[in-house]
N, C-alpha and C. Protein backbone atom coordinates (compact mmCIF):
# COMPACT_ATOMS: atom_id res chain seq x y z
N MET A 1 13.10 -0.17 -1.29
CA MET A 1 12.14 -1.39 -1.50
C MET A 1 11.63 -1.27 0.46
N PHE A 2 10.37 -1.77 0.58
CA PHE A 2 10.09 -2.14 2.13
C PHE A 2 9.26 -3.10 2.11
N THR A 3 8.97 -3.80 3.01
CA THR A 3 8.55 -5.03 3.87
C THR A 3 7.08 -4.72 3.84
N GLY A 4 6.17 -3.72 4.38
CA GLY A 4 5.04 -3.75 4.74
C GLY A 4 4.76 -3.90 6.46
N LEU A 5 5.61 -3.64 6.87
CA LEU A 5 5.55 -3.79 8.25
C LEU A 5 5.83 -2.27 9.11
N ILE A 6 4.73 -1.89 9.21
CA ILE A 6 4.68 -0.67 9.77
C ILE A 6 5.57 0.19 10.86
N GLN A 7 6.30 0.88 10.86
CA GLN A 7 7.46 1.25 12.36
C GLN A 7 6.53 2.74 12.98
N SER A 8 5.82 3.33 12.16
CA SER A 8 5.18 4.24 13.11
C SER A 8 4.35 5.36 12.60
N LEU A 9 3.65 6.07 13.38
CA LEU A 9 2.27 6.79 13.03
C LEU A 9 3.18 8.03 12.37
N GLY A 10 2.52 9.00 11.77
CA GLY A 10 2.64 10.12 11.48
C GLY A 10 1.60 11.03 10.77
N THR A 11 1.94 12.47 10.83
CA THR A 11 0.61 13.17 10.30
C THR A 11 1.33 13.76 9.28
N ILE A 12 0.55 14.06 7.78
CA ILE A 12 1.11 14.58 7.01
C ILE A 12 0.30 16.21 6.61
N LYS A 13 0.86 17.09 6.12
CA LYS A 13 0.28 18.31 5.60
C LYS A 13 0.67 18.79 4.68
N PRO A 14 0.05 19.29 3.88
CA PRO A 14 0.50 20.16 2.20
C PRO A 14 1.06 21.39 2.81
N LEU A 15 2.07 21.59 1.81
CA LEU A 15 2.69 22.98 2.40
C LEU A 15 2.67 23.82 0.83
N GLY A 16 2.19 23.35 -0.01
CA GLY A 16 1.81 24.12 -1.06
C GLY A 16 2.43 23.60 -2.07
N GLY A 17 1.89 23.55 -3.35
CA GLY A 17 2.78 22.55 -4.66
C GLY A 17 2.67 21.62 -4.48
N ASP A 18 3.94 20.82 -4.78
CA ASP A 18 3.87 19.60 -4.47
C ASP A 18 4.54 18.98 -3.15
N SER A 19 5.28 19.85 -2.33
CA SER A 19 5.55 19.49 -1.25
C SER A 19 4.60 19.18 0.28
N TRP A 20 5.27 18.28 0.73
CA TRP A 20 4.56 17.53 1.90
C TRP A 20 5.64 17.63 3.13
N GLN A 21 4.91 18.01 4.43
CA GLN A 21 5.57 17.49 5.75
C GLN A 21 5.09 16.51 6.36
N ILE A 22 5.82 15.88 6.86
CA ILE A 22 5.58 14.93 7.28
C ILE A 22 5.98 14.22 8.94
N THR A 23 5.40 14.54 10.00
CA THR A 23 6.06 14.41 11.40
C THR A 23 5.13 13.29 12.24
N CYS A 24 6.40 12.47 12.76
CA CYS A 24 6.14 11.25 13.42
C CYS A 24 5.46 11.70 14.91
N LEU A 25 4.39 10.53 15.09
CA LEU A 25 3.87 10.65 16.44
C LEU A 25 5.18 10.70 17.52
N PRO A 26 4.89 11.02 18.68
CA PRO A 26 5.93 10.66 19.69
C PRO A 26 6.07 9.50 20.33
N GLN A 27 5.14 8.63 19.84
CA GLN A 27 5.09 7.26 20.25
C GLN A 27 6.35 6.19 20.36
N SER A 28 6.91 6.56 18.67
CA SER A 28 8.33 5.67 18.30
C SER A 28 8.53 6.40 17.13
N PRO A 29 8.92 7.72 17.25
CA PRO A 29 9.87 8.26 16.38
C PRO A 29 11.42 7.82 15.87
N GLU A 30 11.82 7.35 16.67
CA GLU A 30 13.31 7.09 16.60
C GLU A 30 13.30 5.85 15.54
N LEU A 31 12.45 5.01 15.20
CA LEU A 31 12.41 4.12 14.27
C LEU A 31 12.80 4.68 12.84
N ILE A 32 11.70 5.87 12.61
CA ILE A 32 12.03 6.51 11.46
C ILE A 32 13.21 7.66 11.49
N MET A 33 13.27 8.40 12.60
CA MET A 33 14.32 9.31 12.61
C MET A 33 15.50 9.00 12.63
N GLN A 34 15.96 7.88 13.12
CA GLN A 34 17.43 7.63 13.48
C GLN A 34 17.73 7.07 12.15
N ASP A 35 19.23 8.05 12.08
CA ASP A 35 20.04 7.79 10.59
C ASP A 35 19.35 8.15 9.86
N LEU A 36 18.43 9.25 9.88
CA LEU A 36 17.91 9.79 8.62
C LEU A 36 18.44 10.25 8.04
N ALA A 37 18.38 10.71 6.89
CA ALA A 37 19.49 11.54 5.98
C ALA A 37 18.51 11.83 4.62
N CYS A 38 19.28 12.97 4.58
CA CYS A 38 18.53 13.53 2.69
C CYS A 38 18.65 12.66 1.84
N GLY A 39 17.65 12.11 0.94
CA GLY A 39 17.76 11.13 -0.22
C GLY A 39 17.16 10.02 0.30
N ASP A 40 16.89 9.67 1.58
CA ASP A 40 16.90 8.36 1.97
C ASP A 40 15.03 7.99 1.37
N SER A 41 14.96 7.04 1.70
CA SER A 41 12.98 6.86 0.69
C SER A 41 12.36 6.26 2.09
N ILE A 42 10.95 7.05 2.23
CA ILE A 42 10.40 6.86 3.09
C ILE A 42 9.01 6.42 2.62
N ALA A 43 8.09 5.02 3.21
CA ALA A 43 7.02 4.82 2.84
C ALA A 43 6.21 5.54 3.59
N VAL A 44 5.13 6.36 2.75
CA VAL A 44 4.22 7.15 3.59
C VAL A 44 2.67 6.79 2.74
N ASP A 45 2.07 6.03 3.92
CA ASP A 45 0.79 5.15 3.44
C ASP A 45 1.22 4.15 2.25
N GLY A 46 2.33 3.89 2.24
CA GLY A 46 2.83 3.10 1.30
C GLY A 46 3.16 3.90 -0.18
N VAL A 47 3.45 4.98 0.01
CA VAL A 47 3.88 5.81 -1.20
C VAL A 47 5.43 6.19 -1.04
N CYS A 48 6.36 5.60 -1.54
CA CYS A 48 7.58 5.71 -1.23
C CYS A 48 8.04 7.29 -2.00
N LEU A 49 8.80 7.81 -0.77
CA LEU A 49 9.03 9.45 -1.19
C LEU A 49 10.23 9.41 -0.35
N THR A 50 11.30 10.78 -1.44
CA THR A 50 12.18 10.98 -0.88
C THR A 50 12.61 12.31 0.06
N VAL A 51 13.20 12.02 1.21
CA VAL A 51 13.16 12.97 2.41
C VAL A 51 14.49 14.04 1.91
N GLU A 52 13.64 15.19 1.62
CA GLU A 52 14.62 16.55 1.12
C GLU A 52 15.11 17.50 2.06
N GLU A 53 14.44 17.60 3.25
CA GLU A 53 14.67 18.08 4.27
C GLU A 53 14.50 17.45 5.85
N ILE A 54 15.36 17.45 6.36
CA ILE A 54 15.16 16.92 7.78
C ILE A 54 14.62 17.69 8.73
N LEU A 55 13.58 17.70 9.59
CA LEU A 55 13.20 18.29 10.64
C LEU A 55 13.01 17.54 12.18
N SER A 56 12.96 18.33 13.26
CA SER A 56 13.28 17.85 14.15
C SER A 56 12.93 16.42 14.84
N SER A 57 11.56 16.40 13.97
CA SER A 57 10.63 15.24 14.45
C SER A 57 9.79 14.72 13.02
N GLY A 58 10.73 14.71 12.12
CA GLY A 58 10.05 14.51 10.77
C GLY A 58 10.67 15.01 9.57
N PHE A 59 10.39 15.04 8.49
CA PHE A 59 10.85 15.63 7.35
C PHE A 59 9.84 16.06 5.77
N ILE A 60 10.50 16.50 5.09
CA ILE A 60 9.47 17.51 4.17
C ILE A 60 10.12 16.55 2.75
N ALA A 61 9.00 16.11 2.05
CA ALA A 61 9.24 15.37 0.61
C ALA A 61 8.54 16.26 -0.06
N THR A 62 8.81 15.81 -1.41
CA THR A 62 7.92 16.30 -2.74
C THR A 62 7.16 14.89 -3.28
N ALA A 63 5.94 14.91 -3.82
CA ALA A 63 5.11 14.11 -4.66
C ALA A 63 5.12 14.85 -5.87
N SER A 64 5.65 13.36 -7.11
CA SER A 64 5.69 14.14 -8.25
C SER A 64 3.94 14.17 -8.74
N PRO A 65 3.77 14.61 -9.79
CA PRO A 65 2.32 15.06 -10.20
C PRO A 65 1.89 13.11 -10.59
N GLU A 66 2.46 12.30 -10.88
CA GLU A 66 2.30 10.79 -11.28
C GLU A 66 2.01 10.37 -9.87
N THR A 67 2.40 10.44 -8.60
CA THR A 67 2.06 9.84 -7.44
C THR A 67 0.94 10.56 -6.93
N LEU A 68 0.93 11.62 -7.09
CA LEU A 68 -0.74 12.34 -6.63
C LEU A 68 -1.68 11.94 -7.65
N ARG A 69 -1.48 11.86 -8.91
CA ARG A 69 -2.64 11.19 -9.49
C ARG A 69 -2.98 9.74 -9.03
N ARG A 70 -2.14 8.80 -8.52
CA ARG A 70 -2.18 7.71 -8.68
C ARG A 70 -2.74 7.28 -6.95
N THR A 71 -2.46 8.28 -5.91
CA THR A 71 -2.76 7.75 -4.97
C THR A 71 -3.69 8.98 -3.77
N THR A 72 -3.94 8.32 -2.46
CA THR A 72 -4.61 9.33 -1.87
C THR A 72 -3.98 10.87 -1.62
N LEU A 73 -2.63 11.02 -1.68
CA LEU A 73 -2.27 12.61 -1.71
C LEU A 73 -2.58 13.47 -2.41
N GLY A 74 -3.20 13.04 -3.91
CA GLY A 74 -3.91 13.82 -4.54
C GLY A 74 -5.46 13.94 -4.40
N LYS A 75 -5.75 13.27 -3.83
CA LYS A 75 -7.61 13.32 -3.88
C LYS A 75 -8.02 13.89 -2.75
N GLU A 76 -8.64 15.41 -3.09
CA GLU A 76 -9.03 15.93 -2.07
C GLU A 76 -10.22 15.45 -1.09
N GLU A 77 -10.97 14.44 -1.59
CA GLU A 77 -11.59 14.05 -0.75
C GLU A 77 -10.95 12.93 0.19
N SER A 78 -9.89 12.57 0.10
CA SER A 78 -9.20 12.03 1.13
C SER A 78 -9.58 12.07 2.44
N ASP A 79 -9.59 11.57 3.84
CA ASP A 79 -10.03 11.79 5.01
C ASP A 79 -8.98 11.47 5.98
N GLN A 80 -7.64 11.13 5.26
CA GLN A 80 -6.77 10.46 6.24
C GLN A 80 -6.06 11.26 7.01
N LYS A 81 -5.80 11.07 8.39
CA LYS A 81 -5.40 12.36 9.48
C LYS A 81 -4.21 11.31 9.59
N TYR A 82 -3.78 10.48 9.72
CA TYR A 82 -2.47 9.62 10.21
C TYR A 82 -2.19 8.84 8.87
N VAL A 83 -0.86 8.92 8.65
CA VAL A 83 0.07 8.18 7.51
C VAL A 83 0.40 6.99 8.48
N ASN A 84 0.85 5.90 7.60
CA ASN A 84 1.64 5.08 8.09
C ASN A 84 3.01 4.98 7.63
N LEU A 85 4.32 5.17 8.65
CA LEU A 85 5.64 5.08 7.94
C LEU A 85 6.64 3.90 8.12
N GLU A 86 7.24 3.79 7.25
CA GLU A 86 8.40 2.92 7.24
C GLU A 86 9.44 3.19 6.43
N ALA A 87 10.90 2.91 7.09
CA ALA A 87 11.71 3.42 6.26
C ALA A 87 12.42 2.24 5.71
N SER A 88 12.85 2.18 4.60
CA SER A 88 13.30 1.23 3.59
C SER A 88 14.22 0.48 4.00
N LEU A 89 14.11 -0.66 3.37
CA LEU A 89 14.55 -1.87 3.62
C LEU A 89 15.75 -2.08 3.87
N ARG A 90 17.12 -2.52 5.08
CA ARG A 90 18.31 -2.56 5.10
C ARG A 90 18.55 -3.74 4.39
N VAL A 91 20.01 -4.05 3.99
CA VAL A 91 20.62 -4.95 3.72
C VAL A 91 20.78 -6.00 5.15
N GLY A 92 20.34 -7.29 5.34
CA GLY A 92 20.04 -8.16 6.46
C GLY A 92 19.08 -7.67 7.40
N SER A 93 17.90 -6.81 7.38
CA SER A 93 16.92 -6.49 8.07
C SER A 93 15.96 -7.80 7.77
N LYS A 94 15.18 -8.05 8.75
CA LYS A 94 14.03 -8.92 8.55
C LYS A 94 13.17 -9.15 7.70
N ILE A 95 12.70 -9.50 6.87
CA ILE A 95 11.61 -9.26 6.12
C ILE A 95 10.35 -10.26 6.50
N GLY A 96 9.19 -9.52 7.08
CA GLY A 96 8.49 -10.25 7.76
C GLY A 96 7.45 -9.82 6.93
N GLY A 97 6.79 -8.93 6.23
CA GLY A 97 5.74 -9.34 5.12
C GLY A 97 5.81 -9.57 3.88
N HIS A 98 5.98 -8.87 2.61
CA HIS A 98 6.66 -9.25 1.72
C HIS A 98 7.19 -7.93 0.94
N PHE A 99 7.75 -8.16 -0.40
CA PHE A 99 8.42 -7.31 -1.16
C PHE A 99 7.35 -6.18 -1.68
N VAL A 100 7.43 -4.77 -0.92
CA VAL A 100 6.34 -3.53 -1.48
C VAL A 100 7.54 -2.52 -1.92
N MET A 101 7.28 -2.21 -3.01
CA MET A 101 8.18 -1.38 -3.91
C MET A 101 7.64 0.16 -3.15
N GLY A 102 6.56 0.35 -2.65
CA GLY A 102 6.42 1.92 -2.55
C GLY A 102 5.73 2.19 -4.07
N HIS A 103 5.53 1.56 -4.82
CA HIS A 103 4.87 2.78 -6.03
C HIS A 103 3.31 1.63 -6.36
N VAL A 104 2.79 2.90 -5.60
CA VAL A 104 1.09 2.64 -5.30
C VAL A 104 0.53 2.39 -7.17
N ASP A 105 -0.03 1.59 -7.27
CA ASP A 105 -0.96 1.58 -8.20
C ASP A 105 -2.17 1.99 -8.55
N GLY A 106 -3.15 2.52 -6.97
CA GLY A 106 -3.89 3.04 -7.52
C GLY A 106 -4.79 3.16 -5.78
N THR A 107 -6.08 3.72 -5.68
CA THR A 107 -6.46 3.96 -4.42
C THR A 107 -7.95 2.63 -4.84
N GLY A 108 -8.48 2.57 -3.57
CA GLY A 108 -9.57 1.81 -3.14
C GLY A 108 -10.28 2.30 -1.97
N ARG A 109 -11.49 1.66 -2.03
CA ARG A 109 -12.59 2.27 -0.93
C ARG A 109 -12.52 1.08 0.16
N MET A 110 -12.77 1.27 1.38
CA MET A 110 -13.56 0.67 2.57
C MET A 110 -14.69 0.43 2.44
N GLN A 111 -15.42 -0.74 2.27
CA GLN A 111 -16.75 -1.45 1.90
C GLN A 111 -17.26 -1.63 3.44
N ALA A 112 -16.21 -2.68 4.73
CA ALA A 112 -16.87 -2.88 5.45
C ALA A 112 -15.89 -3.38 6.33
N VAL A 113 -16.28 -3.20 7.83
CA VAL A 113 -15.11 -3.58 8.75
C VAL A 113 -15.99 -4.19 9.61
N GLN A 114 -15.75 -5.36 10.27
CA GLN A 114 -16.51 -6.22 11.40
C GLN A 114 -15.27 -6.80 12.34
N GLN A 115 -15.47 -6.54 13.26
CA GLN A 115 -14.46 -7.04 14.62
C GLN A 115 -14.81 -8.68 15.00
N THR A 116 -14.00 -9.62 15.21
CA THR A 116 -14.21 -10.81 15.55
C THR A 116 -13.67 -10.88 16.74
N ALA A 117 -13.64 -12.53 17.16
CA ALA A 117 -12.77 -12.87 18.40
C ALA A 117 -11.47 -12.70 18.37
N THR A 118 -10.88 -12.98 17.50
CA THR A 118 -9.53 -12.89 16.77
C THR A 118 -8.72 -11.52 16.03
N SER A 119 -9.61 -10.61 15.57
CA SER A 119 -9.13 -9.93 14.21
C SER A 119 -10.36 -8.64 13.99
N TRP A 120 -10.03 -7.88 12.94
CA TRP A 120 -10.85 -7.05 12.27
C TRP A 120 -11.02 -7.82 11.06
N GLU A 121 -12.11 -7.90 10.01
CA GLU A 121 -12.20 -8.36 9.11
C GLU A 121 -12.70 -6.86 8.18
N MET A 122 -11.93 -6.57 7.38
CA MET A 122 -11.95 -5.32 6.64
C MET A 122 -12.73 -6.00 4.66
N THR A 123 -13.03 -5.10 4.14
CA THR A 123 -13.40 -5.37 3.18
C THR A 123 -13.16 -4.16 2.55
N PHE A 124 -12.65 -4.32 1.13
CA PHE A 124 -11.71 -2.79 0.53
C PHE A 124 -12.49 -3.51 -1.36
N ILE A 125 -12.78 -2.07 -1.87
CA ILE A 125 -13.13 -2.63 -3.37
C ILE A 125 -12.21 -1.88 -3.82
N ALA A 126 -11.53 -2.78 -5.39
CA ALA A 126 -10.22 -1.56 -5.96
C ALA A 126 -10.36 -1.47 -7.23
N GLU A 127 -9.73 -0.49 -7.79
CA GLU A 127 -9.80 0.13 -9.06
C GLU A 127 -9.61 -1.52 -9.71
N SER A 128 -9.96 -1.63 -11.13
CA SER A 128 -10.00 -2.27 -12.29
C SER A 128 -8.42 -2.96 -12.33
N ALA A 129 -7.72 -1.96 -12.35
CA ALA A 129 -6.26 -2.03 -13.30
C ALA A 129 -5.44 -2.66 -11.81
N ILE A 130 -5.94 -2.23 -10.49
CA ILE A 130 -5.26 -2.91 -9.22
C ILE A 130 -5.95 -4.76 -9.05
N ALA A 131 -7.25 -4.72 -9.10
CA ALA A 131 -7.62 -5.92 -9.08
C ALA A 131 -7.33 -7.05 -9.92
N ARG A 132 -6.66 -7.12 -11.04
CA ARG A 132 -5.90 -8.32 -11.51
C ARG A 132 -4.90 -8.69 -11.18
N TYR A 133 -4.07 -8.06 -10.22
CA TYR A 133 -3.04 -8.90 -9.02
C TYR A 133 -3.46 -9.29 -8.19
N ILE A 134 -5.03 -9.50 -7.57
CA ILE A 134 -5.42 -10.01 -6.25
C ILE A 134 -5.57 -11.35 -6.39
N VAL A 135 -5.18 -11.83 -5.93
CA VAL A 135 -5.18 -13.42 -5.93
C VAL A 135 -5.66 -13.82 -4.02
N PRO A 136 -6.78 -15.05 -4.06
CA PRO A 136 -6.89 -15.31 -2.55
C PRO A 136 -5.30 -16.20 -1.90
N LYS A 137 -5.16 -15.40 -0.90
CA LYS A 137 -4.02 -15.89 0.01
C LYS A 137 -3.09 -15.44 -0.39
N GLY A 138 -2.89 -14.21 -1.54
CA GLY A 138 -1.77 -13.79 -2.10
C GLY A 138 -1.36 -12.60 -0.98
N SER A 139 -0.09 -11.78 -1.42
CA SER A 139 -0.16 -10.47 -0.53
C SER A 139 -0.73 -8.89 -1.50
N ILE A 140 -1.34 -8.13 -0.46
CA ILE A 140 -1.39 -6.77 -0.89
C ILE A 140 -0.82 -5.78 0.03
N ALA A 141 -0.49 -4.65 -0.63
CA ALA A 141 -0.13 -3.76 0.43
C ALA A 141 -1.61 -2.66 0.72
N VAL A 142 -2.28 -2.54 1.79
CA VAL A 142 -2.70 -1.35 2.02
C VAL A 142 -2.61 -0.47 2.82
N ASN A 143 -2.41 1.11 2.28
CA ASN A 143 -1.87 1.89 2.89
C ASN A 143 -0.43 1.70 3.52
N GLY A 144 0.32 0.72 2.59
CA GLY A 144 1.79 0.41 2.94
C GLY A 144 1.91 -0.64 3.92
N ILE A 145 0.70 -1.38 4.32
CA ILE A 145 0.96 -2.41 5.25
C ILE A 145 0.38 -3.76 4.45
N SER A 146 1.28 -4.53 4.51
CA SER A 146 1.31 -6.02 4.11
C SER A 146 0.47 -6.97 4.76
N LEU A 147 -0.57 -6.96 4.07
CA LEU A 147 -1.75 -7.79 4.45
C LEU A 147 -2.00 -9.14 3.36
N THR A 148 -2.72 -9.97 3.68
CA THR A 148 -2.89 -11.29 3.01
C THR A 148 -4.53 -11.21 2.75
N VAL A 149 -4.59 -11.81 1.45
CA VAL A 149 -6.06 -11.63 0.92
C VAL A 149 -6.80 -13.04 1.46
N ALA A 150 -7.80 -12.99 2.32
CA ALA A 150 -8.48 -13.89 2.84
C ALA A 150 -9.54 -14.59 1.79
N GLU A 151 -10.10 -13.14 1.24
CA GLU A 151 -11.36 -13.60 0.21
C GLU A 151 -11.05 -12.99 -0.93
N TYR A 152 -11.62 -13.24 -2.08
CA TYR A 152 -11.69 -12.45 -3.39
C TYR A 152 -12.49 -12.44 -4.37
N GLU A 153 -13.68 -11.78 -4.25
CA GLU A 153 -14.53 -11.67 -5.56
C GLU A 153 -14.23 -10.64 -6.72
N PRO A 154 -13.61 -11.62 -7.74
CA PRO A 154 -13.63 -10.68 -9.22
C PRO A 154 -14.13 -9.83 -9.83
N GLU A 155 -15.59 -10.33 -9.73
CA GLU A 155 -16.75 -9.39 -10.35
C GLU A 155 -17.05 -8.42 -9.69
N LEU A 156 -16.66 -8.42 -8.32
CA LEU A 156 -16.82 -6.59 -7.72
C LEU A 156 -15.75 -6.17 -7.65
N SER A 157 -14.53 -6.63 -7.69
CA SER A 157 -13.31 -6.17 -7.84
C SER A 157 -12.78 -6.44 -6.22
N GLN A 158 -13.68 -7.13 -5.58
CA GLN A 158 -13.84 -6.74 -3.82
C GLN A 158 -12.87 -7.90 -3.10
N PHE A 159 -12.21 -7.20 -2.12
CA PHE A 159 -11.37 -8.35 -1.36
C PHE A 159 -11.67 -8.08 -0.07
N LYS A 160 -11.32 -9.25 1.05
CA LYS A 160 -11.35 -9.01 2.30
C LYS A 160 -9.63 -9.28 3.28
N VAL A 161 -9.62 -8.98 4.15
CA VAL A 161 -7.94 -8.92 4.66
C VAL A 161 -8.81 -9.26 6.27
N ALA A 162 -8.08 -10.01 6.91
CA ALA A 162 -8.09 -10.03 8.75
C ALA A 162 -6.83 -9.66 9.08
N VAL A 163 -7.30 -8.50 9.69
CA VAL A 163 -6.18 -7.62 10.29
C VAL A 163 -6.03 -8.32 11.58
N ILE A 164 -5.06 -8.30 12.44
CA ILE A 164 -4.62 -9.40 13.87
C ILE A 164 -4.65 -7.78 14.75
N PRO A 165 -4.81 -8.29 15.64
CA PRO A 165 -5.24 -6.75 16.77
C PRO A 165 -3.50 -5.72 16.97
N VAL A 166 -2.64 -6.43 16.73
CA VAL A 166 -1.52 -5.47 17.00
C VAL A 166 -1.07 -4.56 15.73
N THR A 167 -1.39 -4.81 14.25
CA THR A 167 -1.49 -4.14 13.29
C THR A 167 -2.79 -3.26 13.14
N TYR A 168 -3.94 -3.59 13.97
CA TYR A 168 -4.69 -2.60 13.94
C TYR A 168 -4.71 -1.81 15.08
N ALA A 169 -4.16 -1.85 15.70
CA ALA A 169 -3.60 -1.13 17.13
C ALA A 169 -2.18 0.11 16.47
N GLU A 170 -1.44 -0.47 15.98
CA GLU A 170 -0.45 0.26 15.52
C GLU A 170 -0.02 1.01 14.07
N THR A 171 -1.78 1.07 13.66
CA THR A 171 -1.25 1.25 12.27
C THR A 171 -2.65 2.41 11.93
N ASN A 172 -2.79 3.22 10.90
CA ASN A 172 -4.02 3.68 10.76
C ASN A 172 -5.42 3.41 10.31
N LEU A 173 -5.00 2.11 10.18
CA LEU A 173 -6.49 1.25 9.77
C LEU A 173 -7.59 1.43 10.72
N ARG A 174 -7.50 1.74 12.04
CA ARG A 174 -8.33 2.14 12.84
C ARG A 174 -9.21 3.08 13.04
N TYR A 175 -8.72 3.97 12.30
CA TYR A 175 -9.10 5.18 11.77
C TYR A 175 -9.73 5.11 10.61
N LEU A 176 -9.92 4.18 9.69
CA LEU A 176 -10.86 4.06 8.71
C LEU A 176 -12.02 3.97 8.91
N ARG A 177 -13.20 4.41 7.83
CA ARG A 177 -14.38 4.33 8.38
C ARG A 177 -14.94 3.89 6.46
N VAL A 178 -16.15 3.61 6.45
CA VAL A 178 -16.64 2.84 5.55
C VAL A 178 -16.90 3.97 4.15
N GLY A 179 -16.11 3.87 3.09
CA GLY A 179 -16.09 4.75 1.70
C GLY A 179 -14.33 5.73 2.03
N SER A 180 -14.00 5.16 3.23
CA SER A 180 -12.31 5.72 3.35
C SER A 180 -11.37 5.56 1.88
N LEU A 181 -10.85 6.34 1.63
CA LEU A 181 -9.79 5.65 0.38
C LEU A 181 -8.12 5.12 1.14
N VAL A 182 -7.70 4.03 0.26
CA VAL A 182 -6.91 3.76 0.69
C VAL A 182 -5.82 3.41 -0.15
N ASN A 183 -4.61 3.35 -0.23
CA ASN A 183 -3.23 3.46 -1.36
C ASN A 183 -3.36 1.76 -1.21
N LEU A 184 -3.38 1.45 -2.63
CA LEU A 184 -3.20 -0.14 -2.82
C LEU A 184 -1.77 -0.27 -3.76
N GLU A 185 -1.14 -1.77 -3.76
CA GLU A 185 -0.02 -1.80 -4.35
C GLU A 185 -0.19 -3.47 -4.43
N GLY A 186 -0.39 -3.75 -5.82
CA GLY A 186 -0.47 -5.35 -5.94
C GLY A 186 0.73 -5.72 -5.66
N ASP A 187 0.91 -7.29 -5.51
CA ASP A 187 2.46 -7.55 -5.36
C ASP A 187 3.24 -8.13 -6.69
N ILE A 188 4.45 -7.95 -6.60
CA ILE A 188 5.45 -7.40 -7.79
C ILE A 188 5.51 -8.26 -8.27
N LEU A 189 5.30 -9.79 -7.60
CA LEU A 189 4.94 -11.05 -8.54
C LEU A 189 4.09 -11.16 -9.64
N GLY A 190 3.04 -10.70 -9.70
CA GLY A 190 2.04 -10.92 -10.33
C GLY A 190 2.25 -9.52 -11.57
N LYS A 191 2.80 -8.96 -11.52
CA LYS A 191 3.12 -7.91 -12.46
C LYS A 191 4.41 -8.81 -13.42
N TYR A 192 5.18 -9.13 -12.53
CA TYR A 192 6.05 -10.01 -13.69
C TYR A 192 5.82 -11.13 -14.11
N VAL A 193 4.90 -11.85 -13.36
CA VAL A 193 4.34 -13.06 -14.79
C VAL A 193 3.13 -12.27 -15.58
N GLU A 194 2.57 -11.03 -15.10
CA GLU A 194 1.77 -10.90 -16.57
C GLU A 194 2.63 -10.35 -17.72
N LYS A 195 3.93 -10.05 -17.19
CA LYS A 195 4.75 -9.21 -18.06
C LYS A 195 5.10 -10.51 -19.35
N LEU A 196 5.70 -11.51 -18.29
CA LEU A 196 6.08 -12.47 -19.11
C LEU A 196 5.39 -13.73 -20.07
N LEU A 197 3.90 -13.28 -19.06
CA LEU A 197 2.88 -13.94 -20.45
C LEU A 197 2.63 -13.23 -21.25
N TYR A 198 2.90 -11.81 -21.67
CA TYR A 198 2.45 -10.99 -22.35
C TYR A 198 3.45 -9.96 -22.79
N PRO A 199 4.82 -10.65 -23.05
CA PRO A 199 5.68 -9.86 -23.44
C PRO A 199 5.23 -8.37 -24.56
N GLY A 200 5.82 -7.50 -24.54
CA GLY A 200 5.93 -6.24 -25.39
C GLY A 200 4.54 -5.69 -25.85
N LYS A 201 3.50 -6.62 -24.61
CA LYS A 201 2.10 -5.90 -25.25
C LYS A 201 1.68 -5.00 -24.19
N GLN A 202 1.25 -4.04 -24.62
CA GLN A 202 0.56 -2.43 -23.52
C GLN A 202 -0.85 -2.97 -23.04
N HIS A 203 -0.96 -3.23 -21.87
CA HIS A 203 -2.40 -3.59 -21.19
C HIS A 203 -2.89 -2.31 -20.40
N THR A 204 -4.20 -2.35 -20.49
CA THR A 204 -5.22 -1.69 -19.92
C THR A 204 -6.55 -2.16 -19.32
N ALA A 205 -6.45 -1.56 -18.34
CA ALA A 205 -7.74 -1.74 -17.36
C ALA A 205 -8.73 -2.70 -17.58
N SER A 206 -8.85 -2.16 -18.71
CA SER A 206 -10.37 -2.87 -19.70
C SER A 206 -9.82 -3.39 -20.91
N ASP A 207 -8.92 -4.48 -21.08
CA ASP A 207 -8.13 -5.35 -21.71
C ASP A 207 -8.47 -6.98 -21.03
N ALA A 208 -9.50 -7.34 -22.25
CA ALA A 208 -10.50 -8.66 -21.94
C ALA A 208 -9.27 -9.41 -21.39
N SER A 209 -8.12 -9.60 -22.15
CA SER A 209 -7.09 -10.29 -21.94
C SER A 209 -6.69 -11.04 -20.98
N PHE A 210 -7.13 -9.71 -20.03
CA PHE A 210 -6.95 -10.01 -18.20
C PHE A 210 -7.44 -11.02 -17.58
N ASP A 211 -8.95 -11.22 -18.29
CA ASP A 211 -9.99 -12.57 -17.64
C ASP A 211 -8.87 -13.77 -18.15
N GLU A 212 -8.07 -14.06 -19.07
CA GLU A 212 -7.43 -15.38 -19.14
C GLU A 212 -6.46 -15.62 -17.99
N ILE A 213 -6.11 -14.76 -17.24
CA ILE A 213 -5.14 -15.05 -16.18
C ILE A 213 -5.87 -15.16 -14.60
N THR A 214 -5.72 -16.65 -14.66
CA THR A 214 -6.63 -17.50 -13.51
C THR A 214 -5.88 -18.34 -12.79
N PRO A 215 -5.99 -18.48 -11.46
CA PRO A 215 -5.44 -19.59 -10.80
C PRO A 215 -4.95 -20.81 -11.42
N ALA A 216 -6.13 -21.32 -12.54
CA ALA A 216 -6.17 -22.37 -13.48
C ALA A 216 -5.41 -22.28 -14.58
N PHE A 217 -5.11 -21.11 -15.36
CA PHE A 217 -4.09 -21.00 -15.97
C PHE A 217 -2.65 -21.08 -15.49
N LEU A 218 -2.48 -20.28 -14.75
CA LEU A 218 -1.43 -20.37 -14.04
C LEU A 218 -1.10 -21.33 -13.86
N GLY A 219 -1.40 -22.19 -12.99
CA GLY A 219 -1.23 -23.62 -12.41
C GLY A 219 -1.07 -24.47 -13.92
N GLU A 220 -1.74 -24.13 -14.92
CA GLU A 220 -1.48 -24.89 -16.27
C GLU A 220 0.37 -24.74 -17.06
N HIS A 221 0.51 -23.49 -16.35
CA HIS A 221 1.72 -22.61 -17.15
C HIS A 221 2.87 -23.09 -15.94
N GLY A 222 2.75 -23.60 -14.86
CA GLY A 222 3.76 -23.79 -14.11
C GLY A 222 4.05 -22.75 -13.21
N TYR A 223 2.82 -22.35 -12.83
CA TYR A 223 3.51 -20.73 -11.81
C TYR A 223 2.89 -21.25 -10.32
N LEU A 224 1.99 -22.32 -10.35
CA LEU A 224 1.37 -22.47 -9.21
C LEU A 224 1.80 -24.13 -8.65
């Protein structure tokens, strides 16, 4: 489990097959490398990967076929050069973001970015299977970064976030351009609510019943 507060930037290089080499940038490698052990979990652009071999300034991990299918790691069109890194949450650690599982739901694309006086406003479009978990003022992980949904347009599966300067400067969001692929993970709370409302039912992205899960619906059933 993670919090969505990025600790370091790194680079990622495929080694063939399903193996990847992740190297921390020299600015702050100690936040990831200190006490790093084989078997530890590291979020790489929001993807929970297991450390299999430790290198001098990074590590090697394997991505499963399911991970490759759902994330930017398996997309040849991905233009990612730098990846966000976060070590797993330790007991007693501060939780400044939200509970991020590292289980990416799918990918999205950046639609627009605009600098304001206090932040960068970024607009993304999400796959429909992810969009159902997006709510205004709720949490979402974009490339592993805990962000708050400022606006959401359900008919377009589109949402906007405001990125503060420190987050923009210390993550790979500053390298994104219009059309860039990103990893998206919806808030785990929404998934549990969905399961409680529809126990035992296997849903698909096109299931019309998801239209029933609205803020008004949740309020009527005591969730808001």
